[in-house]
Amino acid sequence: MKEIRLHDTIVSLNPQIDPLFGSISFNSPAKPHSIITIKSMGKTVKVKLNQIELVVFRLAPQVYGFIWKNKMFFDRDSPDSWNRATTRLASHELKANFNQFKKKEDECYEY
């Protein structure tokens, strides 16, 4: 198993409470009952993947990623819109997790 770690994430566990800001880590491949470790403001929270409502992160400078309903999604089409929305919520611009990926025309990102 390989550990995946995403820094500078926004994690929503429940729509009625404020989201957590920090890093998440999990073993890949992840299943709905896999344990996700959330480190936020000096505290560590461990929850099952299926208990997480939504995770938002910036994968690369022009790619935002999401974990929703136990699946990972990517949006390459509207990074400016996501940047504005996440900056309002997190009070800072999310940092890219994988700066080494560079987008070239006619090429896609490989993960």
PDB file of N, CA and C in Angstrom:
ATOM      1  N   MET A   1       0.835  -1.186   0.000  1.00  0.00           N
ATOM      2  CA  MET A   1       0.000   0.000   0.000  1.00  0.00           C
ATOM      3  C   MET A   1       0.874   1.242   0.000  1.00  0.00           C
ATOM      4  N   LYS A   2       0.419   2.250  -0.688  1.00  0.00           N
ATOM      5  CA  LYS A   2       1.141   3.508  -0.778  1.00  0.00           C
ATOM      6  C   LYS A   2       0.351   4.583  -0.037  1.00  0.00           C
ATOM      7  N   GLU A   3       1.052   5.384   0.771  1.00  0.00           N
ATOM      8  CA  GLU A   3       0.368   6.451   1.490  1.00  0.00           C
ATOM      9  C   GLU A   3       0.262   7.687   0.595  1.00  0.00           C
ATOM     10  N   ILE A   4      -0.936   8.229   0.524  1.00  0.00           N
ATOM     11  CA  ILE A   4      -1.206   9.465  -0.204  1.00  0.00           C
ATOM     12  C   ILE A   4      -1.382  10.565   0.830  1.00  0.00           C
ATOM     13  N   ARG A   5      -0.710  11.693   0.625  1.00  0.00           N
ATOM     14  CA  ARG A   5      -0.829  12.824   1.543  1.00  0.00           C
ATOM     15  C   ARG A   5      -1.133  14.074   0.713  1.00  0.00           C
ATOM     16  N   LEU A   6      -2.194  14.771   1.092  1.00  0.00           N
ATOM     17  CA  LEU A   6      -2.581  16.015   0.433  1.00  0.00           C
ATOM     18  C   LEU A   6      -2.542  17.134   1.465  1.00  0.00           C
ATOM     19  N   HIS A   7      -1.772  18.155   1.171  1.00  0.00           N
ATOM     20  CA  HIS A   7      -1.640  19.301   2.072  1.00  0.00           C
ATOM     21  C   HIS A   7      -2.591  20.421   1.639  1.00  0.00           C
ATOM     22  N   ASP A   8      -2.861  21.323   2.555  1.00  0.00           N
ATOM     23  CA  ASP A   8      -3.673  22.504   2.286  1.00  0.00           C
ATOM     24  C   ASP A   8      -5.030  22.128   1.692  1.00  0.00           C
ATOM     25  N   THR A   9      -5.789  21.356   2.458  1.00  0.00           N
ATOM     26  CA  THR A   9      -7.105  20.900   2.016  1.00  0.00           C
ATOM     27  C   THR A   9      -8.211  21.550   2.834  1.00  0.00           C
ATOM     28  N   ILE A  10      -9.403  21.542   2.276  1.00  0.00           N
ATOM     29  CA  ILE A  10     -10.616  21.956   2.974  1.00  0.00           C
ATOM     30  C   ILE A  10     -11.462  20.696   3.107  1.00  0.00           C
ATOM     31  N   VAL A  11     -11.778  20.301   4.344  1.00  0.00           N
ATOM     32  CA  VAL A  11     -12.485  19.048   4.601  1.00  0.00           C
ATOM     33  C   VAL A  11     -13.810  19.345   5.295  1.00  0.00           C
ATOM     34  N   SER A  12     -14.892  18.904   4.683  1.00  0.00           N
ATOM     35  CA  SER A  12     -16.220  19.049   5.279  1.00  0.00           C
ATOM     36  C   SER A  12     -16.696  17.675   5.730  1.00  0.00           C
ATOM     37  N   LEU A  13     -16.898  17.544   7.037  1.00  0.00           N
ATOM     38  CA  LEU A  13     -17.403  16.288   7.586  1.00  0.00           C
ATOM     39  C   LEU A  13     -18.919  16.302   7.701  1.00  0.00           C
ATOM     40  N   ASN A  14     -19.478  17.502   7.831  1.00  0.00           N
ATOM     41  CA  ASN A  14     -20.910  17.653   8.055  1.00  0.00           C
ATOM     42  C   ASN A  14     -21.300  19.059   7.602  1.00  0.00           C
ATOM     43  N   PRO A  15     -22.376  19.213   6.838  1.00  0.00           N
ATOM     44  CA  PRO A  15     -22.769  20.551   6.372  1.00  0.00           C
ATOM     45  C   PRO A  15     -23.132  21.533   7.492  1.00  0.00           C
ATOM     46  N   GLN A  16     -23.469  21.023   8.683  1.00  0.00           N
ATOM     47  CA  GLN A  16     -23.871  21.889   9.785  1.00  0.00           C
ATOM     48  C   GLN A  16     -22.693  22.452  10.584  1.00  0.00           C
ATOM     49  N   ILE A  17     -21.489  21.940  10.363  1.00  0.00           N
ATOM     50  CA  ILE A  17     -20.334  22.450  11.106  1.00  0.00           C
ATOM     51  C   ILE A  17     -19.308  23.026  10.132  1.00  0.00           C
ATOM     52  N   ASP A  18     -18.465  23.912  10.638  1.00  0.00           N
ATOM     53  CA  ASP A  18     -17.431  24.533   9.804  1.00  0.00           C
ATOM     54  C   ASP A  18     -16.445  23.484   9.311  1.00  0.00           C
ATOM     55  N   PRO A  19     -15.915  23.690   8.097  1.00  0.00           N
ATOM     56  CA  PRO A  19     -14.943  22.734   7.577  1.00  0.00           C
ATOM     57  C   PRO A  19     -13.609  22.809   8.317  1.00  0.00           C
ATOM     58  N   LEU A  20     -12.826  21.747   8.189  1.00  0.00           N
ATOM     59  CA  LEU A  20     -11.482  21.696   8.737  1.00  0.00           C
ATOM     60  C   LEU A  20     -10.496  22.088   7.645  1.00  0.00           C
ATOM     61  N   PHE A  21      -9.423  22.775   8.031  1.00  0.00           N
ATOM     62  CA  PHE A  21      -8.380  23.170   7.097  1.00  0.00           C
ATOM     63  C   PHE A  21      -7.093  22.500   7.540  1.00  0.00           C
ATOM     64  N   GLY A  22      -6.449  21.786   6.646  1.00  0.00           N
ATOM     65  CA  GLY A  22      -5.210  21.118   7.013  1.00  0.00           C
ATOM     66  C   GLY A  22      -4.802  20.110   5.966  1.00  0.00           C
ATOM     67  N   SER A  23      -4.194  19.014   6.414  1.00  0.00           N
ATOM     68  CA  SER A  23      -3.747  17.978   5.480  1.00  0.00           C
ATOM     69  C   SER A  23      -4.491  16.685   5.769  1.00  0.00           C
ATOM     70  N   ILE A  24      -4.600  15.856   4.734  1.00  0.00           N
ATOM     71  CA  ILE A  24      -5.196  14.536   4.901  1.00  0.00           C
ATOM     72  C   ILE A  24      -4.204  13.497   4.387  1.00  0.00           C
ATOM     73  N   SER A  25      -4.294  12.303   4.940  1.00  0.00           N
ATOM     74  CA  SER A  25      -3.477  11.193   4.443  1.00  0.00           C
ATOM     75  C   SER A  25      -4.289   9.916   4.534  1.00  0.00           C
ATOM     76  N   PHE A  26      -3.997   9.013   3.596  1.00  0.00           N
ATOM     77  CA  PHE A  26      -4.686   7.729   3.547  1.00  0.00           C
ATOM     78  C   PHE A  26      -3.859   6.770   2.716  1.00  0.00           C
ATOM     79  N   ASN A  27      -4.130   5.484   2.903  1.00  0.00           N
ATOM     80  CA  ASN A  27      -3.452   4.461   2.123  1.00  0.00           C
ATOM     81  C   ASN A  27      -4.218   4.202   0.836  1.00  0.00           C
ATOM     82  N   SER A  28      -3.477   4.038  -0.237  1.00  0.00           N
ATOM     83  CA  SER A  28      -4.075   3.772  -1.536  1.00  0.00           C
ATOM     84  C   SER A  28      -3.868   2.305  -1.875  1.00  0.00           C
ATOM     85  N   PRO A  29      -4.862   1.625  -2.396  1.00  0.00           N
ATOM     86  CA  PRO A  29      -6.171   2.100  -2.818  1.00  0.00           C
ATOM     87  C   PRO A  29      -7.108   2.260  -1.618  1.00  0.00           C
ATOM     88  N   ALA A  30      -7.899   3.306  -1.648  1.00  0.00           N
ATOM     89  CA  ALA A  30      -8.826   3.601  -0.555  1.00  0.00           C
ATOM     90  C   ALA A  30     -10.188   2.974  -0.839  1.00  0.00           C
ATOM     91  N   LYS A  31     -10.789   2.471   0.203  1.00  0.00           N
ATOM     92  CA  LYS A  31     -12.138   1.893   0.159  1.00  0.00           C
ATOM     93  C   LYS A  31     -13.037   2.762   1.035  1.00  0.00           C
ATOM     94  N   PRO A  32     -14.366   2.636   0.943  1.00  0.00           N
ATOM     95  CA  PRO A  32     -15.256   3.468   1.758  1.00  0.00           C
ATOM     96  C   PRO A  32     -14.978   3.421   3.259  1.00  0.00           C
ATOM     97  N   HIS A  33     -14.458   2.306   3.767  1.00  0.00           N
ATOM     98  CA  HIS A  33     -14.198   2.194   5.203  1.00  0.00           C
ATOM     99  C   HIS A  33     -12.727   2.430   5.554  1.00  0.00           C
ATOM    100  N   SER A  34     -11.930   2.893   4.578  1.00  0.00           N
ATOM    101  CA  SER A  34     -10.529   3.216   4.853  1.00  0.00           C
ATOM    102  C   SER A  34     -10.450   4.388   5.822  1.00  0.00           C
ATOM    103  N   ILE A  35      -9.454   4.368   6.683  1.00  0.00           N
ATOM    104  CA  ILE A  35      -9.274   5.444   7.658  1.00  0.00           C
ATOM    105  C   ILE A  35      -8.510   6.599   7.017  1.00  0.00           C
ATOM    106  N   ILE A  36      -9.071   7.784   7.150  1.00  0.00           N
ATOM    107  CA  ILE A  36      -8.469   9.015   6.652  1.00  0.00           C
ATOM    108  C   ILE A  36      -7.983   9.802   7.869  1.00  0.00           C
ATOM    109  N   THR A  37      -6.732  10.219   7.844  1.00  0.00           N
ATOM    110  CA  THR A  37      -6.175  11.026   8.928  1.00  0.00           C
ATOM    111  C   THR A  37      -6.197  12.480   8.505  1.00  0.00           C
ATOM    112  N   ILE A  38      -6.835  13.321   9.319  1.00  0.00           N
ATOM    113  CA  ILE A  38      -6.916  14.757   9.056  1.00  0.00           C
ATOM    114  C   ILE A  38      -6.114  15.464  10.131  1.00  0.00           C
ATOM    115  N   LYS A  39      -5.117  16.246   9.720  1.00  0.00           N
ATOM    116  CA  LYS A  39      -4.334  17.042  10.668  1.00  0.00           C
ATOM    117  C   LYS A  39      -4.699  18.499  10.440  1.00  0.00           C
ATOM    118  N   SER A  40      -5.241  19.114  11.506  1.00  0.00           N
ATOM    119  CA  SER A  40      -5.734  20.479  11.404  1.00  0.00           C
ATOM    120  C   SER A  40      -5.442  21.233  12.696  1.00  0.00           C
ATOM    121  N   MET A  41      -4.714  22.312  12.593  1.00  0.00           N
ATOM    122  CA  MET A  41      -4.435  23.204  13.719  1.00  0.00           C
ATOM    123  C   MET A  41      -3.920  22.447  14.949  1.00  0.00           C
ATOM    124  N   GLY A  42      -2.950  21.575  14.754  1.00  0.00           N
ATOM    125  CA  GLY A  42      -2.342  20.862  15.864  1.00  0.00           C
ATOM    126  C   GLY A  42      -3.133  19.668  16.369  1.00  0.00           C
ATOM    127  N   LYS A  43      -4.275  19.390  15.790  1.00  0.00           N
ATOM    128  CA  LYS A  43      -5.091  18.252  16.202  1.00  0.00           C
ATOM    129  C   LYS A  43      -5.130  17.224  15.088  1.00  0.00           C
ATOM    130  N   THR A  44      -5.293  15.983  15.475  1.00  0.00           N
ATOM    131  CA  THR A  44      -5.410  14.898  14.505  1.00  0.00           C
ATOM    132  C   THR A  44      -6.762  14.225  14.683  1.00  0.00           C
ATOM    133  N   VAL A  45      -7.476  14.073  13.567  1.00  0.00           N
ATOM    134  CA  VAL A  45      -8.789  13.431  13.563  1.00  0.00           C
ATOM    135  C   VAL A  45      -8.709  12.259  12.591  1.00  0.00           C
ATOM    136  N   LYS A  46      -9.215  11.107  12.995  1.00  0.00           N
ATOM    137  CA  LYS A  46      -9.259   9.938  12.122  1.00  0.00           C
ATOM    138  C   LYS A  46     -10.710   9.561  11.904  1.00  0.00           C
ATOM    139  N   VAL A  47     -11.100   9.499  10.630  1.00  0.00           N
ATOM    140  CA  VAL A  47     -12.473   9.145  10.265  1.00  0.00           C
ATOM    141  C   VAL A  47     -12.438   8.190   9.084  1.00  0.00           C
ATOM    142  N   LYS A  48     -13.530   7.486   8.884  1.00  0.00           N
ATOM    143  CA  LYS A  48     -13.652   6.628   7.709  1.00  0.00           C
ATOM    144  C   LYS A  48     -13.948   7.502   6.492  1.00  0.00           C
ATOM    145  N   LEU A  49     -13.482   7.063   5.340  1.00  0.00           N
ATOM    146  CA  LEU A  49     -13.684   7.828   4.110  1.00  0.00           C
ATOM    147  C   LEU A  49     -15.159   8.125   3.862  1.00  0.00           C
ATOM    148  N   ASN A  50     -16.034   7.167   4.132  1.00  0.00           N
ATOM    149  CA  ASN A  50     -17.457   7.389   3.863  1.00  0.00           C
ATOM    150  C   ASN A  50     -18.118   8.368   4.832  1.00  0.00           C
ATOM    151  N   GLN A  51     -17.390   8.843   5.860  1.00  0.00           N
ATOM    152  CA  GLN A  51     -17.926   9.856   6.767  1.00  0.00           C
ATOM    153  C   GLN A  51     -17.581  11.271   6.307  1.00  0.00           C
ATOM    154  N   ILE A  52     -16.757  11.391   5.287  1.00  0.00           N
ATOM    155  CA  ILE A  52     -16.354  12.706   4.785  1.00  0.00           C
ATOM    156  C   ILE A  52     -17.335  13.154   3.718  1.00  0.00           C
ATOM    157  N   GLU A  53     -17.879  14.342   3.913  1.00  0.00           N
ATOM    158  CA  GLU A  53     -18.825  14.903   2.963  1.00  0.00           C
ATOM    159  C   GLU A  53     -18.102  15.374   1.690  1.00  0.00           C
ATOM    160  N   LEU A  54     -17.028  16.153   1.863  1.00  0.00           N
ATOM    161  CA  LEU A  54     -16.317  16.730   0.717  1.00  0.00           C
ATOM    162  C   LEU A  54     -14.913  17.140   1.129  1.00  0.00           C
ATOM    163  N   VAL A  55     -13.938  16.910   0.248  1.00  0.00           N
ATOM    164  CA  VAL A  55     -12.575  17.410   0.405  1.00  0.00           C
ATOM    165  C   VAL A  55     -12.248  18.191  -0.859  1.00  0.00           C
ATOM    166  N   VAL A  56     -11.724  19.392  -0.693  1.00  0.00           N
ATOM    167  CA  VAL A  56     -11.299  20.216  -1.823  1.00  0.00           C
ATOM    168  C   VAL A  56      -9.810  20.484  -1.665  1.00  0.00           C
ATOM    169  N   PHE A  57      -9.055  20.321  -2.745  1.00  0.00           N
ATOM    170  CA  PHE A  57      -7.616  20.573  -2.706  1.00  0.00           C
ATOM    171  C   PHE A  57      -7.154  21.024  -4.081  1.00  0.00           C
ATOM    172  N   ARG A  58      -5.980  21.592  -4.121  1.00  0.00           N
ATOM    173  CA  ARG A  58      -5.399  22.033  -5.382  1.00  0.00           C
ATOM    174  C   ARG A  58      -4.304  21.035  -5.743  1.00  0.00           C
ATOM    175  N   LEU A  59      -4.527  20.282  -6.801  1.00  0.00           N
ATOM    176  CA  LEU A  59      -3.574  19.258  -7.181  1.00  0.00           C
ATOM    177  C   LEU A  59      -2.364  19.860  -7.887  1.00  0.00           C
ATOM    178  N   ALA A  60      -2.602  20.699  -8.849  1.00  0.00           N
ATOM    179  CA  ALA A  60      -1.550  21.367  -9.616  1.00  0.00           C
ATOM    180  C   ALA A  60      -1.998  22.819  -9.789  1.00  0.00           C
ATOM    181  N   PRO A  61      -1.140  23.696 -10.259  1.00  0.00           N
ATOM    182  CA  PRO A  61      -1.531  25.106 -10.361  1.00  0.00           C
ATOM    183  C   PRO A  61      -2.852  25.368 -11.088  1.00  0.00           C
ATOM    184  N   GLN A  62      -3.180  24.575 -12.076  1.00  0.00           N
ATOM    185  CA  GLN A  62      -4.415  24.789 -12.833  1.00  0.00           C
ATOM    186  C   GLN A  62      -5.429  23.658 -12.669  1.00  0.00           C
ATOM    187  N   VAL A  63      -5.254  22.803 -11.659  1.00  0.00           N
ATOM    188  CA  VAL A  63      -6.148  21.657 -11.462  1.00  0.00           C
ATOM    189  C   VAL A  63      -6.587  21.584 -10.007  1.00  0.00           C
ATOM    190  N   TYR A  64      -7.895  21.622  -9.792  1.00  0.00           N
ATOM    191  CA  TYR A  64      -8.460  21.419  -8.460  1.00  0.00           C
ATOM    192  C   TYR A  64      -8.985  20.003  -8.375  1.00  0.00           C
ATOM    193  N   GLY A  65      -8.850  19.419  -7.189  1.00  0.00           N
ATOM    194  CA  GLY A  65      -9.313  18.057  -6.963  1.00  0.00           C
ATOM    195  C   GLY A  65     -10.351  18.018  -5.859  1.00  0.00           C
ATOM    196  N   PHE A  66     -11.170  16.989  -5.893  1.00  0.00           N
ATOM    197  CA  PHE A  66     -12.261  16.823  -4.939  1.00  0.00           C
ATOM    198  C   PHE A  66     -12.386  15.360  -4.572  1.00  0.00           C
ATOM    199  N   ILE A  67     -12.718  15.109  -3.340  1.00  0.00           N
ATOM    200  CA  ILE A  67     -13.120  13.770  -2.923  1.00  0.00           C
ATOM    201  C   ILE A  67     -14.562  13.922  -2.470  1.00  0.00           C
ATOM    202  N   TRP A  68     -15.450  13.224  -3.156  1.00  0.00           N
ATOM    203  CA  TRP A  68     -16.886  13.324  -2.894  1.00  0.00           C
ATOM    204  C   TRP A  68     -17.505  11.960  -3.136  1.00  0.00           C
ATOM    205  N   LYS A  69     -18.307  11.502  -2.211  1.00  0.00           N
ATOM    206  CA  LYS A  69     -18.957  10.193  -2.294  1.00  0.00           C
ATOM    207  C   LYS A  69     -17.936   9.093  -2.563  1.00  0.00           C
ATOM    208  N   ASN A  70     -16.828   9.133  -1.809  1.00  0.00           N
ATOM    209  CA  ASN A  70     -15.780   8.119  -1.847  1.00  0.00           C
ATOM    210  C   ASN A  70     -15.018   8.055  -3.167  1.00  0.00           C
ATOM    211  N   LYS A  71     -15.137   9.070  -4.006  1.00  0.00           N
ATOM    212  CA  LYS A  71     -14.437   9.082  -5.289  1.00  0.00           C
ATOM    213  C   LYS A  71     -13.682  10.390  -5.457  1.00  0.00           C
ATOM    214  N   MET A  72     -12.606  10.332  -6.245  1.00  0.00           N
ATOM    215  CA  MET A  72     -11.790  11.512  -6.496  1.00  0.00           C
ATOM    216  C   MET A  72     -12.114  12.056  -7.887  1.00  0.00           C
ATOM    217  N   PHE A  73     -12.319  13.378  -7.951  1.00  0.00           N
ATOM    218  CA  PHE A  73     -12.626  14.063  -9.199  1.00  0.00           C
ATOM    219  C   PHE A  73     -11.636  15.203  -9.399  1.00  0.00           C
ATOM    220  N   PHE A  74     -11.455  15.623 -10.653  1.00  0.00           N
ATOM    221  CA  PHE A  74     -10.560  16.727 -10.979  1.00  0.00           C
ATOM    222  C   PHE A  74     -11.259  17.697 -11.909  1.00  0.00           C
ATOM    223  N   ASP A  75     -10.986  18.995 -11.732  1.00  0.00           N
ATOM    224  CA  ASP A  75     -11.535  20.029 -12.599  1.00  0.00           C
ATOM    225  C   ASP A  75     -10.386  20.851 -13.160  1.00  0.00           C
ATOM    226  N   ARG A  76     -10.201  20.752 -14.465  1.00  0.00           N
ATOM    227  CA  ARG A  76      -9.155  21.509 -15.150  1.00  0.00           C
ATOM    228  C   ARG A  76      -9.734  22.713 -15.888  1.00  0.00           C
ATOM    229  N   ASP A  77     -11.077  22.802 -15.943  1.00  0.00           N
ATOM    230  CA  ASP A  77     -11.724  23.793 -16.796  1.00  0.00           C
ATOM    231  C   ASP A  77     -11.942  25.154 -16.155  1.00  0.00           C
ATOM    232  N   SER A  78     -12.072  25.224 -14.847  1.00  0.00           N
ATOM    233  CA  SER A  78     -12.398  26.507 -14.216  1.00  0.00           C
ATOM    234  C   SER A  78     -11.554  26.781 -12.976  1.00  0.00           C
ATOM    235  N   PRO A  79     -10.227  26.815 -13.117  1.00  0.00           N
ATOM    236  CA  PRO A  79      -9.390  27.030 -11.923  1.00  0.00           C
ATOM    237  C   PRO A  79      -9.575  28.411 -11.302  1.00  0.00           C
ATOM    238  N   ASP A  80      -9.854  29.435 -12.108  1.00  0.00           N
ATOM    239  CA  ASP A  80     -10.036  30.780 -11.551  1.00  0.00           C
ATOM    240  C   ASP A  80     -11.263  30.851 -10.652  1.00  0.00           C
ATOM    241  N   SER A  81     -12.321  30.211 -11.056  1.00  0.00           N
ATOM    242  CA  SER A  81     -13.548  30.191 -10.255  1.00  0.00           C
ATOM    243  C   SER A  81     -13.315  29.454  -8.935  1.00  0.00           C
ATOM    244  N   TRP A  82     -12.663  28.303  -8.989  1.00  0.00           N
ATOM    245  CA  TRP A  82     -12.361  27.559  -7.765  1.00  0.00           C
ATOM    246  C   TRP A  82     -11.392  28.318  -6.884  1.00  0.00           C
ATOM    247  N   ASN A  83     -10.437  29.012  -7.489  1.00  0.00           N
ATOM    248  CA  ASN A  83      -9.470  29.782  -6.710  1.00  0.00           C
ATOM    249  C   ASN A  83     -10.169  30.882  -5.913  1.00  0.00           C
ATOM    250  N   ARG A  84     -11.106  31.584  -6.544  1.00  0.00           N
ATOM    251  CA  ARG A  84     -11.849  32.639  -5.838  1.00  0.00           C
ATOM    252  C   ARG A  84     -12.675  32.048  -4.692  1.00  0.00           C
ATOM    253  N   ALA A  85     -13.365  30.951  -4.967  1.00  0.00           N
ATOM    254  CA  ALA A  85     -14.240  30.345  -3.951  1.00  0.00           C
ATOM    255  C   ALA A  85     -13.437  29.795  -2.769  1.00  0.00           C
ATOM    256  N   THR A  86     -12.350  29.097  -3.042  1.00  0.00           N
ATOM    257  CA  THR A  86     -11.562  28.524  -1.942  1.00  0.00           C
ATOM    258  C   THR A  86     -10.798  29.589  -1.176  1.00  0.00           C
ATOM    259  N   THR A  87     -10.395  30.658  -1.849  1.00  0.00           N
ATOM    260  CA  THR A  87      -9.713  31.758  -1.166  1.00  0.00           C
ATOM    261  C   THR A  87     -10.657  32.438  -0.180  1.00  0.00           C
ATOM    262  N   ARG A  88     -11.921  32.620  -0.573  1.00  0.00           N
ATOM    263  CA  ARG A  88     -12.915  33.199   0.348  1.00  0.00           C
ATOM    264  C   ARG A  88     -13.115  32.300   1.563  1.00  0.00           C
ATOM    265  N   LEU A  89     -13.180  31.009   1.343  1.00  0.00           N
ATOM    266  CA  LEU A  89     -13.448  30.072   2.424  1.00  0.00           C
ATOM    267  C   LEU A  89     -12.235  29.869   3.334  1.00  0.00           C
ATOM    268  N   ALA A  90     -11.052  29.696   2.752  1.00  0.00           N
ATOM    269  CA  ALA A  90      -9.854  29.380   3.534  1.00  0.00           C
ATOM    270  C   ALA A  90      -9.045  30.614   3.922  1.00  0.00           C
ATOM    271  N   SER A  91      -9.404  31.776   3.411  1.00  0.00           N
ATOM    272  CA  SER A  91      -8.693  33.039   3.675  1.00  0.00           C
ATOM    273  C   SER A  91      -7.272  33.043   3.112  1.00  0.00           C
ATOM    274  N   HIS A  92      -6.988  32.146   2.208  1.00  0.00           N
ATOM    275  CA  HIS A  92      -5.714  32.156   1.485  1.00  0.00           C
ATOM    276  C   HIS A  92      -5.865  31.291   0.227  1.00  0.00           C
ATOM    277  N   GLU A  93      -4.971  31.492  -0.702  1.00  0.00           N
ATOM    278  CA  GLU A  93      -4.982  30.692  -1.918  1.00  0.00           C
ATOM    279  C   GLU A  93      -4.407  29.312  -1.595  1.00  0.00           C
ATOM    280  N   LEU A  94      -5.122  28.264  -1.983  1.00  0.00           N
ATOM    281  CA  LEU A  94      -4.634  26.914  -1.718  1.00  0.00           C
ATOM    282  C   LEU A  94      -3.348  26.670  -2.501  1.00  0.00           C
ATOM    283  N   LYS A  95      -2.414  25.996  -1.863  1.00  0.00           N
ATOM    284  CA  LYS A  95      -1.143  25.664  -2.518  1.00  0.00           C
ATOM    285  C   LYS A  95      -1.301  24.364  -3.289  1.00  0.00           C
ATOM    286  N   ALA A  96      -0.640  24.302  -4.439  1.00  0.00           N
ATOM    287  CA  ALA A  96      -0.680  23.089  -5.252  1.00  0.00           C
ATOM    288  C   ALA A  96       0.095  21.973  -4.553  1.00  0.00           C
ATOM    289  N   ASN A  97      -0.426  20.762  -4.640  1.00  0.00           N
ATOM    290  CA  ASN A  97       0.231  19.613  -4.032  1.00  0.00           C
ATOM    291  C   ASN A  97       1.319  19.040  -4.925  1.00  0.00           C
ATOM    292  N   PHE A  98       1.164  19.174  -6.222  1.00  0.00           N
ATOM    293  CA  PHE A  98       2.130  18.606  -7.152  1.00  0.00           C
ATOM    294  C   PHE A  98       2.576  19.680  -8.134  1.00  0.00           C
ATOM    295  N   ASN A  99       3.552  20.483  -7.747  1.00  0.00           N
ATOM    296  CA  ASN A  99       4.048  21.555  -8.608  1.00  0.00           C
ATOM    297  C   ASN A  99       4.840  21.036  -9.789  1.00  0.00           C
ATOM    298  N   GLN A 100       5.316  19.793  -9.720  1.00  0.00           N
ATOM    299  CA  GLN A 100       6.174  19.308 -10.786  1.00  0.00           C
ATOM    300  C   GLN A 100       5.413  19.031 -12.081  1.00  0.00           C
ATOM    301  N   PHE A 101       4.079  18.967 -12.021  1.00  0.00           N
ATOM    302  CA  PHE A 101       3.323  18.730 -13.250  1.00  0.00           C
ATOM    303  C   PHE A 101       3.145  20.040 -13.979  1.00  0.00           C
ATOM    304  N   LYS A 102       3.497  20.057 -15.221  1.00  0.00           N
ATOM    305  CA  LYS A 102       3.345  21.260 -16.033  1.00  0.00           C
ATOM    306  C   LYS A 102       2.451  20.923 -17.206  1.00  0.00           C
ATOM    307  N   LYS A 103       1.491  21.781 -17.460  1.00  0.00           N
ATOM    308  CA  LYS A 103       0.553  21.534 -18.532  1.00  0.00           C
ATOM    309  C   LYS A 103       1.122  22.078 -19.832  1.00  0.00           C
ATOM    310  N   LYS A 104       1.106  21.251 -20.828  1.00  0.00           N
ATOM    311  CA  LYS A 104       1.476  21.674 -22.165  1.00  0.00           C
ATOM    312  C   LYS A 104       0.248  21.517 -23.032  1.00  0.00           C
ATOM    313  N   GLU A 105       0.141  22.319 -24.063  1.00  0.00           N
ATOM    314  CA  GLU A 105      -0.990  22.175 -24.954  1.00  0.00           C
ATOM    315  C   GLU A 105      -0.987  20.786 -25.550  1.00  0.00           C
ATOM    316  N   ASP A 106      -2.147  20.243 -25.737  1.00  0.00           N
ATOM    317  CA  ASP A 106      -2.357  18.918 -26.304  1.00  0.00           C
ATOM    318  C   ASP A 106      -1.838  17.794 -25.408  1.00  0.00           C
ATOM    319  N   GLU A 107      -1.479  18.096 -24.171  1.00  0.00           N
ATOM    320  CA  GLU A 107      -1.083  17.054 -23.232  1.00  0.00           C
ATOM    321  C   GLU A 107      -1.990  17.145 -22.022  1.00  0.00           C
ATOM    322  N   CYS A 108      -2.165  16.054 -21.342  1.00  0.00           N
ATOM    323  CA  CYS A 108      -2.952  16.076 -20.110  1.00  0.00           C
ATOM    324  C   CYS A 108      -2.045  15.688 -18.960  1.00  0.00           C
ATOM    325  N   TYR A 109      -2.517  15.925 -17.764  1.00  0.00           N
ATOM    326  CA  TYR A 109      -1.745  15.584 -16.575  1.00  0.00           C
ATOM    327  C   TYR A 109      -1.749  14.081 -16.395  1.00  0.00           C
ATOM    328  N   GLU A 110      -0.659  13.561 -15.884  1.00  0.00           N
ATOM    329  CA  GLU A 110      -0.578  12.144 -15.564  1.00  0.00           C
ATOM    330  C   GLU A 110      -0.359  12.022 -14.063  1.00  0.00           C
ATOM    331  N   TYR A 111      -1.119  11.163 -13.410  1.00  0.00           N
ATOM    332  CA  TYR A 111      -1.020  10.982 -11.970  1.00  0.00           C
ATOM    333  C   TYR A 111      -0.794   9.537 -11.662  1.00  0.00           C
TER     334      TYR A 111
END
